[in-house]
Amino acid sequence: MQSINEYIELIDHPYKEKFIELISHIRRVYPNCEEKISYGMPCFVWMGKPLVYLAIYPNHIGVYALPMTHKKFESQLSNYKRGKGSVQFPISDNIPISLITSMIGYHQNYISNLKGK
């Protein structure tokens, strides 16, 4: 598997459409990101740095590589299971696409500021 579209094709999950909707939204909001598969997951890359990794599991959609966003979005994330740089959004709930894209935007700005652009 070498592309996000190939990853999507391999999904055998009753909530596959929710994952497709999330990926499609990220593509619309961040059209200049490079797309690839990294660690076996869809990954969006900005300025050579991983912006976000996504994966679908039996009970949740995992969003990874956003550790600095947790403090900024603490109140919005309080109801979700989190790790150091991950958030699990229960697949049976409405996926908070606008929250996820806001988190990605915050991380994108962080990367841009690190690169001086």
PDB file of N, CA and C in Angstrom:
ATOM      1  N   MET A   1       0.859  -1.173   0.000  1.00  0.00           N
ATOM      2  CA  MET A   1       0.000   0.000   0.000  1.00  0.00           C
ATOM      3  C   MET A   1       0.904   1.235   0.000  1.00  0.00           C
ATOM      4  N   GLN A   2       0.655   2.102  -0.973  1.00  0.00           N
ATOM      5  CA  GLN A   2       1.528   3.255  -1.123  1.00  0.00           C
ATOM      6  C   GLN A   2       0.801   4.581  -1.137  1.00  0.00           C
ATOM      7  N   SER A   3      -0.524   4.560  -1.116  1.00  0.00           N
ATOM      8  CA  SER A   3      -1.256   5.822  -1.148  1.00  0.00           C
ATOM      9  C   SER A   3      -2.433   5.769  -0.182  1.00  0.00           C
ATOM     10  N   ILE A   4      -2.926   6.950   0.135  1.00  0.00           N
ATOM     11  CA  ILE A   4      -4.098   7.030   1.004  1.00  0.00           C
ATOM     12  C   ILE A   4      -5.291   6.370   0.333  1.00  0.00           C
ATOM     13  N   ASN A   5      -5.430   6.546  -0.958  1.00  0.00           N
ATOM     14  CA  ASN A   5      -6.544   5.906  -1.665  1.00  0.00           C
ATOM     15  C   ASN A   5      -6.459   4.389  -1.583  1.00  0.00           C
ATOM     16  N   GLU A   6      -5.260   3.821  -1.660  1.00  0.00           N
ATOM     17  CA  GLU A   6      -5.089   2.375  -1.501  1.00  0.00           C
ATOM     18  C   GLU A   6      -5.473   1.945  -0.087  1.00  0.00           C
ATOM     19  N   TYR A   7      -5.095   2.737   0.921  1.00  0.00           N
ATOM     20  CA  TYR A   7      -5.475   2.450   2.303  1.00  0.00           C
ATOM     21  C   TYR A   7      -6.999   2.391   2.407  1.00  0.00           C
ATOM     22  N   ILE A   8      -7.661   3.373   1.835  1.00  0.00           N
ATOM     23  CA  ILE A   8      -9.124   3.441   1.892  1.00  0.00           C
ATOM     24  C   ILE A   8      -9.749   2.229   1.205  1.00  0.00           C
ATOM     25  N   GLU A   9      -9.201   1.837   0.055  1.00  0.00           N
ATOM     26  CA  GLU A   9      -9.729   0.679  -0.658  1.00  0.00           C
ATOM     27  C   GLU A   9      -9.679  -0.590   0.186  1.00  0.00           C
ATOM     28  N   LEU A  10      -8.699  -0.696   1.059  1.00  0.00           N
ATOM     29  CA  LEU A  10      -8.530  -1.898   1.878  1.00  0.00           C
ATOM     30  C   LEU A  10      -9.389  -1.907   3.145  1.00  0.00           C
ATOM     31  N   ILE A  11     -10.030  -0.801   3.448  1.00  0.00           N
ATOM     32  CA  ILE A  11     -10.848  -0.724   4.664  1.00  0.00           C
ATOM     33  C   ILE A  11     -12.089  -1.597   4.501  1.00  0.00           C
ATOM     34  N   ASP A  12     -12.274  -2.498   5.454  1.00  0.00           N
ATOM     35  CA  ASP A  12     -13.481  -3.314   5.531  1.00  0.00           C
ATOM     36  C   ASP A  12     -14.110  -3.018   6.888  1.00  0.00           C
ATOM     37  N   HIS A  13     -14.874  -1.951   6.934  1.00  0.00           N
ATOM     38  CA  HIS A  13     -15.410  -1.453   8.201  1.00  0.00           C
ATOM     39  C   HIS A  13     -16.766  -0.823   7.934  1.00  0.00           C
ATOM     40  N   PRO A  14     -17.744  -1.060   8.797  1.00  0.00           N
ATOM     41  CA  PRO A  14     -19.075  -0.485   8.552  1.00  0.00           C
ATOM     42  C   PRO A  14     -19.100   1.045   8.561  1.00  0.00           C
ATOM     43  N   TYR A  15     -18.108   1.668   9.171  1.00  0.00           N
ATOM     44  CA  TYR A  15     -18.056   3.134   9.230  1.00  0.00           C
ATOM     45  C   TYR A  15     -16.999   3.715   8.291  1.00  0.00           C
ATOM     46  N   LYS A  16     -16.674   2.981   7.246  1.00  0.00           N
ATOM     47  CA  LYS A  16     -15.674   3.420   6.270  1.00  0.00           C
ATOM     48  C   LYS A  16     -15.987   4.819   5.731  1.00  0.00           C
ATOM     49  N   GLU A  17     -17.259   5.106   5.493  1.00  0.00           N
ATOM     50  CA  GLU A  17     -17.646   6.407   4.926  1.00  0.00           C
ATOM     51  C   GLU A  17     -17.265   7.570   5.839  1.00  0.00           C
ATOM     52  N   LYS A  18     -17.288   7.360   7.152  1.00  0.00           N
ATOM     53  CA  LYS A  18     -16.872   8.427   8.077  1.00  0.00           C
ATOM     54  C   LYS A  18     -15.396   8.748   7.881  1.00  0.00           C
ATOM     55  N   PHE A  19     -14.592   7.711   7.690  1.00  0.00           N
ATOM     56  CA  PHE A  19     -13.162   7.921   7.470  1.00  0.00           C
ATOM     57  C   PHE A  19     -12.933   8.633   6.141  1.00  0.00           C
ATOM     58  N   ILE A  20     -13.644   8.210   5.107  1.00  0.00           N
ATOM     59  CA  ILE A  20     -13.527   8.859   3.797  1.00  0.00           C
ATOM     60  C   ILE A  20     -13.925  10.327   3.901  1.00  0.00           C
ATOM     61  N   GLU A  21     -14.984  10.621   4.642  1.00  0.00           N
ATOM     62  CA  GLU A  21     -15.429  12.004   4.816  1.00  0.00           C
ATOM     63  C   GLU A  21     -14.340  12.844   5.498  1.00  0.00           C
ATOM     64  N   LEU A  22     -13.693  12.285   6.513  1.00  0.00           N
ATOM     65  CA  LEU A  22     -12.616  13.001   7.202  1.00  0.00           C
ATOM     66  C   LEU A  22     -11.447  13.263   6.252  1.00  0.00           C
ATOM     67  N   ILE A  23     -11.010  12.247   5.542  1.00  0.00           N
ATOM     68  CA  ILE A  23      -9.896  12.402   4.589  1.00  0.00           C
ATOM     69  C   ILE A  23     -10.254  13.444   3.522  1.00  0.00           C
ATOM     70  N   SER A  24     -11.453  13.365   2.992  1.00  0.00           N
ATOM     71  CA  SER A  24     -11.879  14.314   1.951  1.00  0.00           C
ATOM     72  C   SER A  24     -11.882  15.745   2.472  1.00  0.00           C
ATOM     73  N   HIS A  25     -12.332  15.926   3.694  1.00  0.00           N
ATOM     74  CA  HIS A  25     -12.357  17.261   4.283  1.00  0.00           C
ATOM     75  C   HIS A  25     -10.938  17.799   4.463  1.00  0.00           C
ATOM     76  N   ILE A  26     -10.038  16.964   4.965  1.00  0.00           N
ATOM     77  CA  ILE A  26      -8.644  17.394   5.139  1.00  0.00           C
ATOM     78  C   ILE A  26      -8.041  17.763   3.789  1.00  0.00           C
ATOM     79  N   ARG A  27      -8.323  16.996   2.774  1.00  0.00           N
ATOM     80  CA  ARG A  27      -7.813  17.296   1.428  1.00  0.00           C
ATOM     81  C   ARG A  27      -8.318  18.646   0.934  1.00  0.00           C
ATOM     82  N   ARG A  28      -9.576  18.972   1.213  1.00  0.00           N
ATOM     83  CA  ARG A  28     -10.138  20.259   0.774  1.00  0.00           C
ATOM     84  C   ARG A  28      -9.534  21.429   1.551  1.00  0.00           C
ATOM     85  N   VAL A  29      -9.386  21.256   2.863  1.00  0.00           N
ATOM     86  CA  VAL A  29      -8.909  22.348   3.710  1.00  0.00           C
ATOM     87  C   VAL A  29      -7.399  22.548   3.561  1.00  0.00           C
ATOM     88  N   TYR A  30      -6.661  21.484   3.344  1.00  0.00           N
ATOM     89  CA  TYR A  30      -5.194  21.552   3.248  1.00  0.00           C
ATOM     90  C   TYR A  30      -4.716  20.950   1.925  1.00  0.00           C
ATOM     91  N   PRO A  31      -5.075  21.579   0.798  1.00  0.00           N
ATOM     92  CA  PRO A  31      -4.756  20.992  -0.513  1.00  0.00           C
ATOM     93  C   PRO A  31      -3.269  20.970  -0.847  1.00  0.00           C
ATOM     94  N   ASN A  32      -2.457  21.741  -0.163  1.00  0.00           N
ATOM     95  CA  ASN A  32      -1.030  21.798  -0.477  1.00  0.00           C
ATOM     96  C   ASN A  32      -0.191  20.806   0.311  1.00  0.00           C
ATOM     97  N   CYS A  33      -0.839  19.946   1.085  1.00  0.00           N
ATOM     98  CA  CYS A  33      -0.099  18.937   1.840  1.00  0.00           C
ATOM     99  C   CYS A  33       0.253  17.758   0.938  1.00  0.00           C
ATOM    100  N   GLU A  34       1.414  17.196   1.202  1.00  0.00           N
ATOM    101  CA  GLU A  34       1.806  15.956   0.539  1.00  0.00           C
ATOM    102  C   GLU A  34       1.072  14.815   1.244  1.00  0.00           C
ATOM    103  N   GLU A  35       0.657  13.825   0.496  1.00  0.00           N
ATOM    104  CA  GLU A  35      -0.008  12.655   1.062  1.00  0.00           C
ATOM    105  C   GLU A  35       0.902  11.448   0.918  1.00  0.00           C
ATOM    106  N   LYS A  36       0.957  10.633   1.965  1.00  0.00           N
ATOM    107  CA  LYS A  36       1.720   9.397   1.870  1.00  0.00           C
ATOM    108  C   LYS A  36       1.227   8.415   2.927  1.00  0.00           C
ATOM    109  N   ILE A  37       1.771   7.230   2.879  1.00  0.00           N
ATOM    110  CA  ILE A  37       1.534   6.235   3.912  1.00  0.00           C
ATOM    111  C   ILE A  37       2.815   6.152   4.737  1.00  0.00           C
ATOM    112  N   SER A  38       2.673   6.282   6.036  1.00  0.00           N
ATOM    113  CA  SER A  38       3.811   6.193   6.943  1.00  0.00           C
ATOM    114  C   SER A  38       3.356   5.418   8.182  1.00  0.00           C
ATOM    115  N   TYR A  39       4.178   4.516   8.643  1.00  0.00           N
ATOM    116  CA  TYR A  39       3.800   3.640   9.759  1.00  0.00           C
ATOM    117  C   TYR A  39       2.504   2.892   9.458  1.00  0.00           C
ATOM    118  N   GLY A  40       2.236   2.641   8.170  1.00  0.00           N
ATOM    119  CA  GLY A  40       1.042   1.922   7.767  1.00  0.00           C
ATOM    120  C   GLY A  40      -0.243   2.728   7.823  1.00  0.00           C
ATOM    121  N   MET A  41      -0.116   4.041   7.993  1.00  0.00           N
ATOM    122  CA  MET A  41      -1.284   4.905   8.126  1.00  0.00           C
ATOM    123  C   MET A  41      -1.233   6.047   7.120  1.00  0.00           C
ATOM    124  N   PRO A  42      -2.400   6.568   6.737  1.00  0.00           N
ATOM    125  CA  PRO A  42      -2.411   7.795   5.951  1.00  0.00           C
ATOM    126  C   PRO A  42      -1.727   8.923   6.719  1.00  0.00           C
ATOM    127  N   CYS A  43      -0.905   9.668   6.016  1.00  0.00           N
ATOM    128  CA  CYS A  43      -0.154  10.763   6.628  1.00  0.00           C
ATOM    129  C   CYS A  43      -0.197  11.965   5.692  1.00  0.00           C
ATOM    130  N   PHE A  44      -0.470  13.119   6.273  1.00  0.00           N
ATOM    131  CA  PHE A  44      -0.393  14.376   5.534  1.00  0.00           C
ATOM    132  C   PHE A  44       0.872  15.083   6.010  1.00  0.00           C
ATOM    133  N   VAL A  45       1.661  15.565   5.057  1.00  0.00           N
ATOM    134  CA  VAL A  45       2.967  16.154   5.340  1.00  0.00           C
ATOM    135  C   VAL A  45       2.952  17.615   4.913  1.00  0.00           C
ATOM    136  N   TRP A  46       3.532  18.466   5.755  1.00  0.00           N
ATOM    137  CA  TRP A  46       3.618  19.897   5.481  1.00  0.00           C
ATOM    138  C   TRP A  46       5.062  20.326   5.664  1.00  0.00           C
ATOM    139  N   MET A  47       5.639  20.906   4.619  1.00  0.00           N
ATOM    140  CA  MET A  47       7.010  21.420   4.663  1.00  0.00           C
ATOM    141  C   MET A  47       7.998  20.342   5.115  1.00  0.00           C
ATOM    142  N   GLY A  48       7.759  19.117   4.637  1.00  0.00           N
ATOM    143  CA  GLY A  48       8.645  18.002   4.949  1.00  0.00           C
ATOM    144  C   GLY A  48       8.438  17.370   6.308  1.00  0.00           C
ATOM    145  N   LYS A  49       7.494  17.857   7.087  1.00  0.00           N
ATOM    146  CA  LYS A  49       7.228  17.335   8.434  1.00  0.00           C
ATOM    147  C   LYS A  49       5.849  16.682   8.471  1.00  0.00           C
ATOM    148  N   PRO A  50       5.720  15.560   9.173  1.00  0.00           N
ATOM    149  CA  PRO A  50       4.393  14.954   9.328  1.00  0.00           C
ATOM    150  C   PRO A  50       3.447  15.931  10.027  1.00  0.00           C
ATOM    151  N   LEU A  51       2.329  16.163   9.398  1.00  0.00           N
ATOM    152  CA  LEU A  51       1.326  17.067   9.951  1.00  0.00           C
ATOM    153  C   LEU A  51       0.329  16.283  10.793  1.00  0.00           C
ATOM    154  N   VAL A  52      -0.130  15.158  10.274  1.00  0.00           N
ATOM    155  CA  VAL A  52      -1.077  14.310  10.991  1.00  0.00           C
ATOM    156  C   VAL A  52      -1.067  12.919  10.369  1.00  0.00           C
ATOM    157  N   TYR A  53      -1.244  11.916  11.218  1.00  0.00           N
ATOM    158  CA  TYR A  53      -1.462  10.537  10.807  1.00  0.00           C
ATOM    159  C   TYR A  53      -2.893  10.189  11.208  1.00  0.00           C
ATOM    160  N   LEU A  54      -3.529   9.350  10.405  1.00  0.00           N
ATOM    161  CA  LEU A  54      -4.901   8.939  10.684  1.00  0.00           C
ATOM    162  C   LEU A  54      -5.020   7.439  10.489  1.00  0.00           C
ATOM    163  N   ALA A  55      -5.895   6.811  11.252  1.00  0.00           N
ATOM    164  CA  ALA A  55      -6.138   5.380  11.072  1.00  0.00           C
ATOM    165  C   ALA A  55      -7.541   5.050  11.578  1.00  0.00           C
ATOM    166  N   ILE A  56      -8.132   4.040  10.964  1.00  0.00           N
ATOM    167  CA  ILE A  56      -9.434   3.565  11.409  1.00  0.00           C
ATOM    168  C   ILE A  56      -9.245   2.214  12.095  1.00  0.00           C
ATOM    169  N   TYR A  57      -9.891   2.057  13.215  1.00  0.00           N
ATOM    170  CA  TYR A  57      -9.836   0.842  14.023  1.00  0.00           C
ATOM    171  C   TYR A  57     -11.263   0.367  14.273  1.00  0.00           C
ATOM    172  N   PRO A  58     -11.437  -0.798  14.852  1.00  0.00           N
ATOM    173  CA  PRO A  58     -12.801  -1.302  15.070  1.00  0.00           C
ATOM    174  C   PRO A  58     -13.709  -0.346  15.846  1.00  0.00           C
ATOM    175  N   ASN A  59     -13.153   0.387  16.824  1.00  0.00           N
ATOM    176  CA  ASN A  59     -13.998   1.220  17.675  1.00  0.00           C
ATOM    177  C   ASN A  59     -13.708   2.713  17.619  1.00  0.00           C
ATOM    178  N   HIS A  60     -12.680   3.113  16.879  1.00  0.00           N
ATOM    179  CA  HIS A  60     -12.350   4.538  16.849  1.00  0.00           C
ATOM    180  C   HIS A  60     -11.549   4.912  15.609  1.00  0.00           C
ATOM    181  N   ILE A  61     -11.505   6.215  15.366  1.00  0.00           N
ATOM    182  CA  ILE A  61     -10.566   6.781  14.400  1.00  0.00           C
ATOM    183  C   ILE A  61      -9.461   7.414  15.224  1.00  0.00           C
ATOM    184  N   GLY A  62      -8.237   7.026  14.930  1.00  0.00           N
ATOM    185  CA  GLY A  62      -7.083   7.573  15.637  1.00  0.00           C
ATOM    186  C   GLY A  62      -6.477   8.724  14.860  1.00  0.00           C
ATOM    187  N   VAL A  63      -6.143   9.779  15.592  1.00  0.00           N
ATOM    188  CA  VAL A  63      -5.484  10.954  15.020  1.00  0.00           C
ATOM    189  C   VAL A  63      -4.182  11.118  15.797  1.00  0.00           C
ATOM    190  N   TYR A  64      -3.059  11.134  15.080  1.00  0.00           N
ATOM    191  CA  TYR A  64      -1.746  11.094  15.710  1.00  0.00           C
ATOM    192  C   TYR A  64      -0.847  12.244  15.262  1.00  0.00           C
ATOM    193  N   ALA A  65       0.175  12.495  16.059  1.00  0.00           N
ATOM    194  CA  ALA A  65       1.249  13.466  15.795  1.00  0.00           C
ATOM    195  C   ALA A  65       0.830  14.898  16.072  1.00  0.00           C
ATOM    196  N   LEU A  66      -0.017  15.092  17.062  1.00  0.00           N
ATOM    197  CA  LEU A  66      -0.457  16.438  17.410  1.00  0.00           C
ATOM    198  C   LEU A  66      -0.219  16.742  18.893  1.00  0.00           C
ATOM    199  N   PRO A  67       0.919  16.381  19.466  1.00  0.00           N
ATOM    200  CA  PRO A  67       1.078  16.553  20.916  1.00  0.00           C
ATOM    201  C   PRO A  67       0.979  17.990  21.407  1.00  0.00           C
ATOM    202  N   MET A  68       1.475  18.938  20.629  1.00  0.00           N
ATOM    203  CA  MET A  68       1.433  20.325  21.112  1.00  0.00           C
ATOM    204  C   MET A  68       0.032  20.920  21.043  1.00  0.00           C
ATOM    205  N   THR A  69      -0.865  20.249  20.383  1.00  0.00           N
ATOM    206  CA  THR A  69      -2.234  20.764  20.284  1.00  0.00           C
ATOM    207  C   THR A  69      -3.090  20.408  21.486  1.00  0.00           C
ATOM    208  N   HIS A  70      -2.691  19.411  22.237  1.00  0.00           N
ATOM    209  CA  HIS A  70      -3.523  18.959  23.358  1.00  0.00           C
ATOM    210  C   HIS A  70      -3.807  20.064  24.364  1.00  0.00           C
ATOM    211  N   LYS A  71      -2.813  20.830  24.698  1.00  0.00           N
ATOM    212  CA  LYS A  71      -3.030  21.909  25.658  1.00  0.00           C
ATOM    213  C   LYS A  71      -3.955  22.973  25.072  1.00  0.00           C
ATOM    214  N   LYS A  72      -3.732  23.334  23.834  1.00  0.00           N
ATOM    215  CA  LYS A  72      -4.539  24.354  23.164  1.00  0.00           C
ATOM    216  C   LYS A  72      -6.013  23.934  23.062  1.00  0.00           C
ATOM    217  N   PHE A  73      -6.255  22.656  22.814  1.00  0.00           N
ATOM    218  CA  PHE A  73      -7.610  22.148  22.595  1.00  0.00           C
ATOM    219  C   PHE A  73      -8.114  21.306  23.779  1.00  0.00           C
ATOM    220  N   GLU A  74      -7.550  21.502  24.933  1.00  0.00           N
ATOM    221  CA  GLU A  74      -7.869  20.704  26.130  1.00  0.00           C
ATOM    222  C   GLU A  74      -9.374  20.585  26.378  1.00  0.00           C
ATOM    223  N   SER A  75     -10.077  21.680  26.362  1.00  0.00           N
ATOM    224  CA  SER A  75     -11.511  21.621  26.685  1.00  0.00           C
ATOM    225  C   SER A  75     -12.300  20.840  25.634  1.00  0.00           C
ATOM    226  N   GLN A  76     -11.937  20.975  24.357  1.00  0.00           N
ATOM    227  CA  GLN A  76     -12.647  20.249  23.312  1.00  0.00           C
ATOM    228  C   GLN A  76     -12.315  18.757  23.292  1.00  0.00           C
ATOM    229  N   LEU A  77     -11.160  18.395  23.843  1.00  0.00           N
ATOM    230  CA  LEU A  77     -10.714  16.995  23.831  1.00  0.00           C
ATOM    231  C   LEU A  77     -11.020  16.250  25.120  1.00  0.00           C
ATOM    232  N   SER A  78     -11.593  16.925  26.083  1.00  0.00           N
ATOM    233  CA  SER A  78     -11.759  16.328  27.416  1.00  0.00           C
ATOM    234  C   SER A  78     -12.592  15.053  27.433  1.00  0.00           C
ATOM    235  N   ASN A  79     -13.459  14.865  26.477  1.00  0.00           N
ATOM    236  CA  ASN A  79     -14.310  13.673  26.454  1.00  0.00           C
ATOM    237  C   ASN A  79     -13.731  12.509  25.650  1.00  0.00           C
ATOM    238  N   TYR A  80     -12.513  12.677  25.134  1.00  0.00           N
ATOM    239  CA  TYR A  80     -11.920  11.652  24.283  1.00  0.00           C
ATOM    240  C   TYR A  80     -10.701  11.033  24.947  1.00  0.00           C
ATOM    241  N   LYS A  81     -10.464   9.758  24.642  1.00  0.00           N
ATOM    242  CA  LYS A  81      -9.272   9.076  25.118  1.00  0.00           C
ATOM    243  C   LYS A  81      -8.070   9.639  24.368  1.00  0.00           C
ATOM    244  N   ARG A  82      -7.016   9.976  25.123  1.00  0.00           N
ATOM    245  CA  ARG A  82      -5.825  10.581  24.530  1.00  0.00           C
ATOM    246  C   ARG A  82      -4.562   9.923  25.047  1.00  0.00           C
ATOM    247  N   GLY A  83      -3.542  10.001  24.214  1.00  0.00           N
ATOM    248  CA  GLY A  83      -2.192   9.646  24.605  1.00  0.00           C
ATOM    249  C   GLY A  83      -1.343  10.890  24.452  1.00  0.00           C
ATOM    250  N   LYS A  84      -0.036  10.740  24.529  1.00  0.00           N
ATOM    251  CA  LYS A  84       0.852  11.904  24.419  1.00  0.00           C
ATOM    252  C   LYS A  84       0.614  12.696  23.141  1.00  0.00           C
ATOM    253  N   GLY A  85       0.485  12.012  22.022  1.00  0.00           N
ATOM    254  CA  GLY A  85       0.283  12.703  20.752  1.00  0.00           C
ATOM    255  C   GLY A  85      -0.872  12.135  19.957  1.00  0.00           C
ATOM    256  N   SER A  86      -1.803  11.489  20.647  1.00  0.00           N
ATOM    257  CA  SER A  86      -2.898  10.840  19.932  1.00  0.00           C
ATOM    258  C   SER A  86      -4.241  11.153  20.570  1.00  0.00           C
ATOM    259  N   VAL A  87      -5.267  11.025  19.751  1.00  0.00           N
ATOM    260  CA  VAL A  87      -6.639  11.168  20.217  1.00  0.00           C
ATOM    261  C   VAL A  87      -7.452  10.070  19.540  1.00  0.00           C
ATOM    262  N   GLN A  88      -8.337   9.443  20.315  1.00  0.00           N
ATOM    263  CA  GLN A  88      -9.229   8.426  19.772  1.00  0.00           C
ATOM    264  C   GLN A  88     -10.650   8.976  19.740  1.00  0.00           C
ATOM    265  N   PHE A  89     -11.221   9.037  18.541  1.00  0.00           N
ATOM    266  CA  PHE A  89     -12.587   9.498  18.379  1.00  0.00           C
ATOM    267  C   PHE A  89     -13.469   8.275  18.130  1.00  0.00           C
ATOM    268  N   PRO A  90     -14.392   7.982  19.046  1.00  0.00           N
ATOM    269  CA  PRO A  90     -15.233   6.787  18.890  1.00  0.00           C
ATOM    270  C   PRO A  90     -15.937   6.776  17.528  1.00  0.00           C
ATOM    271  N   ILE A  91     -15.830   5.666  16.859  1.00  0.00           N
ATOM    272  CA  ILE A  91     -16.333   5.556  15.500  1.00  0.00           C
ATOM    273  C   ILE A  91     -17.858   5.611  15.446  1.00  0.00           C
ATOM    274  N   SER A  92     -18.519   5.207  16.516  1.00  0.00           N
ATOM    275  CA  SER A  92     -19.980   5.199  16.505  1.00  0.00           C
ATOM    276  C   SER A  92     -20.565   6.590  16.755  1.00  0.00           C
ATOM    277  N   ASP A  93     -19.743   7.539  17.215  1.00  0.00           N
ATOM    278  CA  ASP A  93     -20.184   8.918  17.428  1.00  0.00           C
ATOM    279  C   ASP A  93     -19.975   9.735  16.153  1.00  0.00           C
ATOM    280  N   ASN A  94     -20.513  10.925  16.147  1.00  0.00           N
ATOM    281  CA  ASN A  94     -20.182  11.858  15.072  1.00  0.00           C
ATOM    282  C   ASN A  94     -18.717  12.242  15.210  1.00  0.00           C
ATOM    283  N   ILE A  95     -17.983  12.129  14.134  1.00  0.00           N
ATOM    284  CA  ILE A  95     -16.564  12.486  14.155  1.00  0.00           C
ATOM    285  C   ILE A  95     -16.483  14.015  14.079  1.00  0.00           C
ATOM    286  N   PRO A  96     -15.777  14.654  15.034  1.00  0.00           N
ATOM    287  CA  PRO A  96     -15.699  16.126  15.052  1.00  0.00           C
ATOM    288  C   PRO A  96     -14.701  16.648  14.017  1.00  0.00           C
ATOM    289  N   ILE A  97     -15.135  16.633  12.766  1.00  0.00           N
ATOM    290  CA  ILE A  97     -14.251  16.984  11.648  1.00  0.00           C
ATOM    291  C   ILE A  97     -13.717  18.404  11.782  1.00  0.00           C
ATOM    292  N   SER A  98     -14.553  19.344  12.185  1.00  0.00           N
ATOM    293  CA  SER A  98     -14.059  20.724  12.297  1.00  0.00           C
ATOM    294  C   SER A  98     -13.024  20.847  13.410  1.00  0.00           C
ATOM    295  N   LEU A  99     -13.190  20.118  14.503  1.00  0.00           N
ATOM    296  CA  LEU A  99     -12.188  20.123  15.576  1.00  0.00           C
ATOM    297  C   LEU A  99     -10.875  19.530  15.060  1.00  0.00           C
ATOM    298  N   ILE A 100     -10.958  18.410  14.372  1.00  0.00           N
ATOM    299  CA  ILE A 100      -9.747  17.765  13.857  1.00  0.00           C
ATOM    300  C   ILE A 100      -9.024  18.685  12.873  1.00  0.00           C
ATOM    301  N   THR A 101      -9.757  19.314  11.975  1.00  0.00           N
ATOM    302  CA  THR A 101      -9.086  20.204  11.017  1.00  0.00           C
ATOM    303  C   THR A 101      -8.536  21.453  11.701  1.00  0.00           C
ATOM    304  N   SER A 102      -9.179  21.910  12.758  1.00  0.00           N
ATOM    305  CA  SER A 102      -8.619  23.040  13.527  1.00  0.00           C
ATOM    306  C   SER A 102      -7.319  22.631  14.204  1.00  0.00           C
ATOM    307  N   MET A 103      -7.284  21.421  14.739  1.00  0.00           N
ATOM    308  CA  MET A 103      -6.058  20.919  15.369  1.00  0.00           C
ATOM    309  C   MET A 103      -4.942  20.805  14.342  1.00  0.00           C
ATOM    310  N   ILE A 104      -5.275  20.306  13.157  1.00  0.00           N
ATOM    311  CA  ILE A 104      -4.288  20.188  12.093  1.00  0.00           C
ATOM    312  C   ILE A 104      -3.769  21.573  11.704  1.00  0.00           C
ATOM    313  N   GLY A 105      -4.675  22.546  11.599  1.00  0.00           N
ATOM    314  CA  GLY A 105      -4.266  23.911  11.260  1.00  0.00           C
ATOM    315  C   GLY A 105      -3.334  24.506  12.297  1.00  0.00           C
ATOM    316  N   TYR A 106      -3.614  24.242  13.559  1.00  0.00           N
ATOM    317  CA  TYR A 106      -2.746  24.716  14.634  1.00  0.00           C
ATOM    318  C   TYR A 106      -1.358  24.102  14.485  1.00  0.00           C
ATOM    319  N   HIS A 107      -1.311  22.808  14.197  1.00  0.00           N
ATOM    320  CA  HIS A 107      -0.028  22.125  14.009  1.00  0.00           C
ATOM    321  C   HIS A 107       0.680  22.635  12.752  1.00  0.00           C
ATOM    322  N   GLN A 108      -0.079  22.909  11.703  1.00  0.00           N
ATOM    323  CA  GLN A 108       0.505  23.445  10.474  1.00  0.00           C
ATOM    324  C   GLN A 108       1.169  24.797  10.744  1.00  0.00           C
ATOM    325  N   ASN A 109       0.511  25.651  11.493  1.00  0.00           N
ATOM    326  CA  ASN A 109       1.100  26.946  11.846  1.00  0.00           C
ATOM    327  C   ASN A 109       2.366  26.764  12.673  1.00  0.00           C
ATOM    328  N   TYR A 110       2.354  25.802  13.577  1.00  0.00           N
ATOM    329  CA  TYR A 110       3.529  25.514  14.396  1.00  0.00           C
ATOM    330  C   TYR A 110       4.711  25.119  13.502  1.00  0.00           C
ATOM    331  N   ILE A 111       4.468  24.212  12.554  1.00  0.00           N
ATOM    332  CA  ILE A 111       5.530  23.774  11.641  1.00  0.00           C
ATOM    333  C   ILE A 111       6.013  24.959  10.792  1.00  0.00           C
ATOM    334  N   SER A 112       5.077  25.744  10.282  1.00  0.00           N
ATOM    335  CA  SER A 112       5.451  26.896   9.446  1.00  0.00           C
ATOM    336  C   SER A 112       6.317  27.871  10.233  1.00  0.00           C
ATOM    337  N   ASN A 113       5.977  28.118  11.484  1.00  0.00           N
ATOM    338  CA  ASN A 113       6.768  29.028  12.326  1.00  0.00           C
ATOM    339  C   ASN A 113       8.150  28.458  12.604  1.00  0.00           C
ATOM    340  N   LEU A 114       8.247  27.140  12.782  1.00  0.00           N
ATOM    341  CA  LEU A 114       9.563  26.517  12.985  1.00  0.00           C
ATOM    342  C   LEU A 114      10.448  26.692  11.754  1.00  0.00           C
ATOM    343  N   LYS A 115       9.827  26.595  10.591  1.00  0.00           N
ATOM    344  CA  LYS A 115      10.573  26.706   9.333  1.00  0.00           C
ATOM    345  C   LYS A 115      10.789  28.164   8.926  1.00  0.00           C
ATOM    346  N   GLY A 116      10.202  29.086   9.678  1.00  0.00           N
ATOM    347  CA  GLY A 116      10.392  30.507   9.394  1.00  0.00           C
ATOM    348  C   GLY A 116       9.618  31.016   8.194  1.00  0.00           C
ATOM    349  N   LYS A 117       8.458  30.451   7.940  1.00  0.00           N
ATOM    350  CA  LYS A 117       7.679  30.890   6.776  1.00  0.00           C
ATOM    351  C   LYS A 117       6.347  31.404   7.203  1.00  0.00           C
TER     352      LYS A 117
END
